[in-house]
Amino acid sequence: MPKMKTKSSAKKRFKLTGTGQIKRKHAFKSHILTKKATDRKRRLTQSTLVHSSDVKSIKEQLVL
């Protein structure tokens, strides 16, 4: 049986932390930034962890 390939889109969007959790970036930070408040844009810059209900499907995409 051939090796499983990882999804290229998932490979670009997610990283593993040292403890095995999955890190992600916030959405809505690329354009139309003039109407968004400064503190909101600052919060969107920081990365966060993937929600527990999504972890299984993302791990399948990353072939972990």
N, C-alpha and C. Protein backbone atom coordinates (compact mmCIF):
# COMPACT_ATOMS: atom_id res chain seq x y z
N MET A 1 0.85 -1.19 0.00
CA MET A 1 0.00 0.00 0.00
C MET A 1 0.89 1.25 0.00
N PRO A 2 0.57 2.26 -0.82
CA PRO A 2 1.41 3.46 -0.87
C PRO A 2 1.26 4.29 0.40
N LYS A 3 2.22 5.19 0.59
CA LYS A 3 2.19 6.06 1.75
C LYS A 3 1.02 7.03 1.64
N MET A 4 0.50 7.44 2.80
CA MET A 4 -0.56 8.45 2.83
C MET A 4 0.07 9.82 2.62
N LYS A 5 -0.55 10.64 1.79
CA LYS A 5 -0.05 12.00 1.60
C LYS A 5 -0.78 12.95 2.54
N THR A 6 -0.07 13.96 3.02
CA THR A 6 -0.72 14.99 3.83
C THR A 6 -1.41 15.97 2.90
N LYS A 7 -2.47 16.60 3.38
CA LYS A 7 -3.15 17.64 2.62
C LYS A 7 -2.27 18.88 2.63
N SER A 8 -1.95 19.39 1.45
CA SER A 8 -1.06 20.54 1.36
C SER A 8 -1.64 21.77 2.06
N SER A 9 -2.95 21.94 1.98
CA SER A 9 -3.57 23.10 2.61
C SER A 9 -3.44 23.04 4.13
N ALA A 10 -3.62 21.85 4.69
CA ALA A 10 -3.49 21.69 6.14
C ALA A 10 -2.04 21.86 6.59
N LYS A 11 -1.12 21.37 5.77
CA LYS A 11 0.31 21.48 6.07
C LYS A 11 0.72 22.95 6.20
N LYS A 12 0.12 23.82 5.37
CA LYS A 12 0.46 25.24 5.39
C LYS A 12 -0.21 25.98 6.55
N ARG A 13 -1.35 25.49 7.03
CA ARG A 13 -2.14 26.24 7.99
C ARG A 13 -1.94 25.86 9.45
N PHE A 14 -1.46 24.65 9.72
CA PHE A 14 -1.39 24.16 11.09
C PHE A 14 0.02 23.73 11.45
N LYS A 15 0.38 23.94 12.74
CA LYS A 15 1.66 23.50 13.28
C LYS A 15 1.39 22.77 14.59
N LEU A 16 2.25 21.82 14.91
CA LEU A 16 2.14 21.11 16.18
C LEU A 16 2.94 21.82 17.25
N THR A 17 2.41 21.89 18.47
CA THR A 17 3.16 22.42 19.60
C THR A 17 4.00 21.29 20.19
N GLY A 18 4.82 21.62 21.16
CA GLY A 18 5.66 20.62 21.79
C GLY A 18 4.87 19.57 22.54
N THR A 19 3.69 19.94 23.03
CA THR A 19 2.85 19.00 23.77
C THR A 19 1.89 18.24 22.88
N GLY A 20 1.96 18.46 21.56
CA GLY A 20 1.13 17.71 20.63
C GLY A 20 -0.19 18.37 20.28
N GLN A 21 -0.42 19.59 20.78
CA GLN A 21 -1.64 20.30 20.39
C GLN A 21 -1.41 20.95 19.04
N ILE A 22 -2.50 21.37 18.39
CA ILE A 22 -2.41 21.94 17.05
C ILE A 22 -2.67 23.44 17.12
N LYS A 23 -1.72 24.21 16.56
CA LYS A 23 -1.80 25.66 16.56
C LYS A 23 -2.37 26.14 15.25
N ARG A 24 -3.10 27.27 15.28
CA ARG A 24 -3.66 27.85 14.06
C ARG A 24 -3.62 29.37 14.16
N LYS A 25 -3.77 30.02 13.02
CA LYS A 25 -3.86 31.47 12.97
C LYS A 25 -5.33 31.89 12.99
N HIS A 26 -5.58 33.13 13.37
CA HIS A 26 -6.94 33.66 13.31
C HIS A 26 -7.27 34.10 11.88
N ALA A 27 -8.55 34.04 11.54
CA ALA A 27 -9.02 34.50 10.24
C ALA A 27 -9.35 36.00 10.30
N PHE A 28 -9.68 36.58 9.17
CA PHE A 28 -10.15 37.97 9.05
C PHE A 28 -9.06 38.99 9.36
N LYS A 29 -7.82 38.70 9.01
CA LYS A 29 -6.73 39.65 9.26
C LYS A 29 -6.01 40.04 7.97
N SER A 30 -6.58 39.68 6.80
CA SER A 30 -5.84 39.90 5.56
C SER A 30 -6.22 41.20 4.84
N HIS A 31 -7.48 41.58 4.86
CA HIS A 31 -7.88 42.80 4.16
C HIS A 31 -9.13 43.37 4.81
N ILE A 32 -9.57 44.54 4.33
CA ILE A 32 -10.67 45.33 4.92
C ILE A 32 -10.38 45.57 6.41
N LEU A 33 -9.21 46.14 6.67
CA LEU A 33 -8.78 46.34 8.06
C LEU A 33 -9.13 47.72 8.59
N THR A 34 -9.60 48.63 7.74
CA THR A 34 -9.85 49.99 8.21
C THR A 34 -11.04 50.07 9.16
N LYS A 35 -12.04 49.22 8.94
CA LYS A 35 -13.23 49.28 9.80
C LYS A 35 -13.08 48.48 11.09
N LYS A 36 -12.00 47.70 11.22
CA LYS A 36 -11.80 46.89 12.41
C LYS A 36 -11.01 47.67 13.45
N ALA A 37 -11.39 47.50 14.69
CA ALA A 37 -10.73 48.22 15.78
C ALA A 37 -9.29 47.73 15.95
N THR A 38 -8.44 48.62 16.46
CA THR A 38 -7.02 48.29 16.61
C THR A 38 -6.81 47.12 17.55
N ASP A 39 -7.54 47.08 18.66
CA ASP A 39 -7.36 45.98 19.61
C ASP A 39 -7.85 44.66 19.01
N ARG A 40 -8.87 44.74 18.18
CA ARG A 40 -9.35 43.52 17.50
C ARG A 40 -8.29 42.98 16.55
N LYS A 41 -7.67 43.88 15.77
CA LYS A 41 -6.62 43.46 14.84
C LYS A 41 -5.43 42.88 15.59
N ARG A 42 -5.11 43.43 16.74
CA ARG A 42 -4.00 42.93 17.53
C ARG A 42 -4.30 41.52 18.06
N ARG A 43 -5.55 41.28 18.47
CA ARG A 43 -5.93 39.95 18.94
C ARG A 43 -5.87 38.93 17.80
N LEU A 44 -6.25 39.35 16.59
CA LEU A 44 -6.26 38.44 15.44
C LEU A 44 -4.84 38.06 15.00
N THR A 45 -3.84 38.87 15.38
CA THR A 45 -2.46 38.58 15.02
C THR A 45 -1.94 37.35 15.75
N GLN A 46 -2.38 37.15 16.99
CA GLN A 46 -1.87 36.06 17.81
C GLN A 46 -2.43 34.72 17.34
N SER A 47 -1.63 33.68 17.50
CA SER A 47 -2.10 32.34 17.15
C SER A 47 -2.84 31.73 18.33
N THR A 48 -3.63 30.71 18.06
CA THR A 48 -4.41 30.05 19.10
C THR A 48 -4.44 28.56 18.81
N LEU A 49 -5.06 27.81 19.68
CA LEU A 49 -5.14 26.36 19.50
C LEU A 49 -6.43 26.00 18.78
N VAL A 50 -6.38 24.89 18.06
CA VAL A 50 -7.56 24.38 17.36
C VAL A 50 -8.55 23.84 18.39
N HIS A 51 -9.82 24.02 18.14
CA HIS A 51 -10.86 23.54 19.05
C HIS A 51 -10.84 22.01 19.11
N SER A 52 -11.18 21.48 20.28
CA SER A 52 -11.08 20.04 20.50
C SER A 52 -11.95 19.22 19.55
N SER A 53 -13.07 19.79 19.09
CA SER A 53 -13.95 19.06 18.18
C SER A 53 -13.37 18.94 16.77
N ASP A 54 -12.38 19.77 16.44
CA ASP A 54 -11.77 19.74 15.11
C ASP A 54 -10.45 18.99 15.06
N VAL A 55 -9.90 18.63 16.21
CA VAL A 55 -8.57 18.04 16.28
C VAL A 55 -8.49 16.74 15.49
N LYS A 56 -9.48 15.88 15.61
CA LYS A 56 -9.43 14.57 14.95
C LYS A 56 -9.33 14.71 13.43
N SER A 57 -10.16 15.57 12.84
CA SER A 57 -10.15 15.71 11.39
C SER A 57 -8.85 16.36 10.89
N ILE A 58 -8.30 17.28 11.65
CA ILE A 58 -7.06 17.93 11.23
C ILE A 58 -5.90 16.95 11.34
N LYS A 59 -5.90 16.12 12.37
CA LYS A 59 -4.84 15.11 12.49
C LYS A 59 -4.90 14.11 11.35
N GLU A 60 -6.10 13.79 10.88
CA GLU A 60 -6.23 12.91 9.71
C GLU A 60 -5.67 13.57 8.46
N GLN A 61 -5.90 14.88 8.31
CA GLN A 61 -5.38 15.60 7.15
C GLN A 61 -3.86 15.71 7.19
N LEU A 62 -3.32 15.83 8.41
CA LEU A 62 -1.87 15.93 8.56
C LEU A 62 -1.20 14.54 8.61
N VAL A 63 -1.99 13.50 8.58
CA VAL A 63 -1.55 12.10 8.66
C VAL A 63 -0.63 11.91 9.86
N LEU A 64 -1.21 12.15 11.05
CA LEU A 64 -0.45 11.97 12.30
C LEU A 64 -0.83 10.66 12.96
